[in-house]
């Protein structure tokens, strides 16, 4: 199954306004968002076969993305 790229506002639909504000004004959150986008794109390219990777590597990337989503969720909770 091919991975469909995801955006933070899709992962946290109730916090779209906060995400937009933090992306504009918060350097730490900007870094987290960029890390998320990079991981998500890497997973998409690996799943699509554009960037061949072992199943273990893809699973590792997915686990890393989930951990980052947990970090982002905690960051959003602290800022709301």
Protein backbone atom coordinates (compact mmCIF):
# COMPACT_ATOMS: atom_id res chain seq x y z
CA UNK A 1 0.00 0.00 0.00
CA UNK A 2 1.36 3.36 -0.98
CA UNK A 3 1.67 5.99 1.71
CA UNK A 4 -0.33 9.16 1.14
CA UNK A 5 1.57 12.24 2.35
CA UNK A 6 0.01 13.83 5.41
CA UNK A 7 0.07 17.41 6.61
CA UNK A 8 0.08 18.44 10.26
CA UNK A 9 -3.31 20.12 9.98
CA UNK A 10 -4.71 16.74 8.86
CA UNK A 11 -3.14 14.99 11.85
CA UNK A 12 -4.46 17.67 14.23
CA UNK A 13 -7.58 19.11 12.56
CA UNK A 14 -8.86 20.79 15.73
CA UNK A 15 -5.64 22.81 16.01
CA UNK A 16 -5.30 24.17 12.48
CA UNK A 17 -5.21 27.81 13.58
CA UNK A 18 -2.63 27.12 16.28
CA UNK A 19 -0.47 25.18 13.82
CA UNK A 20 -0.60 28.05 11.32
CA UNK A 21 0.35 30.57 14.03
CA UNK A 22 3.21 28.45 15.35
CA UNK A 23 4.53 27.79 11.83
CA UNK A 24 4.66 31.54 11.31
CA UNK A 25 5.99 32.65 14.71
CA UNK A 26 7.72 29.80 16.55
CA UNK A 27 11.17 28.64 15.39
CA UNK A 28 11.08 25.47 17.50
CA UNK A 29 7.72 24.45 16.03
CA UNK A 30 8.92 25.33 12.54
CA UNK A 31 11.76 22.85 13.06
CA UNK A 32 9.37 20.16 14.27
CA UNK A 33 7.08 20.76 11.28
CA UNK A 34 10.02 20.56 8.86
CA UNK A 35 11.17 17.31 10.46
CA UNK A 36 7.66 15.91 10.12
CA UNK A 37 7.41 16.93 6.46
CA UNK A 38 10.83 15.41 5.68
CA UNK A 39 9.96 12.10 7.38
CA UNK A 40 6.57 11.98 5.73
CA UNK A 41 8.10 12.58 2.29
CA UNK A 42 10.79 9.95 2.90
CA UNK A 43 8.09 7.41 3.79
CA UNK A 44 6.06 8.36 0.72
CA UNK A 45 9.04 8.03 -1.63
CA UNK A 46 10.10 4.71 -0.09
CA UNK A 47 6.58 3.25 -0.29
CA UNK A 48 6.20 4.44 -3.88
CA UNK A 49 9.51 2.84 -4.84
CA UNK A 50 11.10 6.17 -5.79
CA UNK A 51 13.69 5.67 -3.06
CA UNK A 52 14.17 1.94 -2.53
CA UNK A 53 14.33 1.00 1.14
CA UNK A 54 13.99 -2.22 3.06
CA UNK A 55 10.79 -2.95 4.91
CA UNK A 56 12.73 -2.52 8.14
CA UNK A 57 13.91 0.95 7.10
CA UNK A 58 10.38 1.99 6.15
CA UNK A 59 9.02 0.71 9.47
CA UNK A 60 11.78 2.60 11.28
CA UNK A 61 10.81 5.81 9.48
CA UNK A 62 7.16 5.27 10.38
CA UNK A 63 8.03 4.73 14.05
CA UNK A 64 10.16 7.88 14.00
CA UNK A 65 7.26 9.83 12.48
CA UNK A 66 4.87 8.52 15.15
CA UNK A 67 7.28 9.56 17.91
CA UNK A 68 7.56 12.99 16.30
CA UNK A 69 3.76 13.25 16.16
CA UNK A 70 3.69 12.54 19.90
CA UNK A 71 6.24 15.32 20.44
CA UNK A 72 4.22 17.70 18.28
CA UNK A 73 0.99 16.79 20.11
CA UNK A 74 2.63 17.60 23.44
CA UNK A 75 4.01 20.86 22.04
CA UNK A 76 0.58 21.87 20.74
CA UNK A 77 -1.03 21.01 24.08
CA UNK A 78 1.49 23.18 25.90
CA UNK A 79 0.89 26.11 23.54
CA UNK A 80 -2.92 25.98 23.50
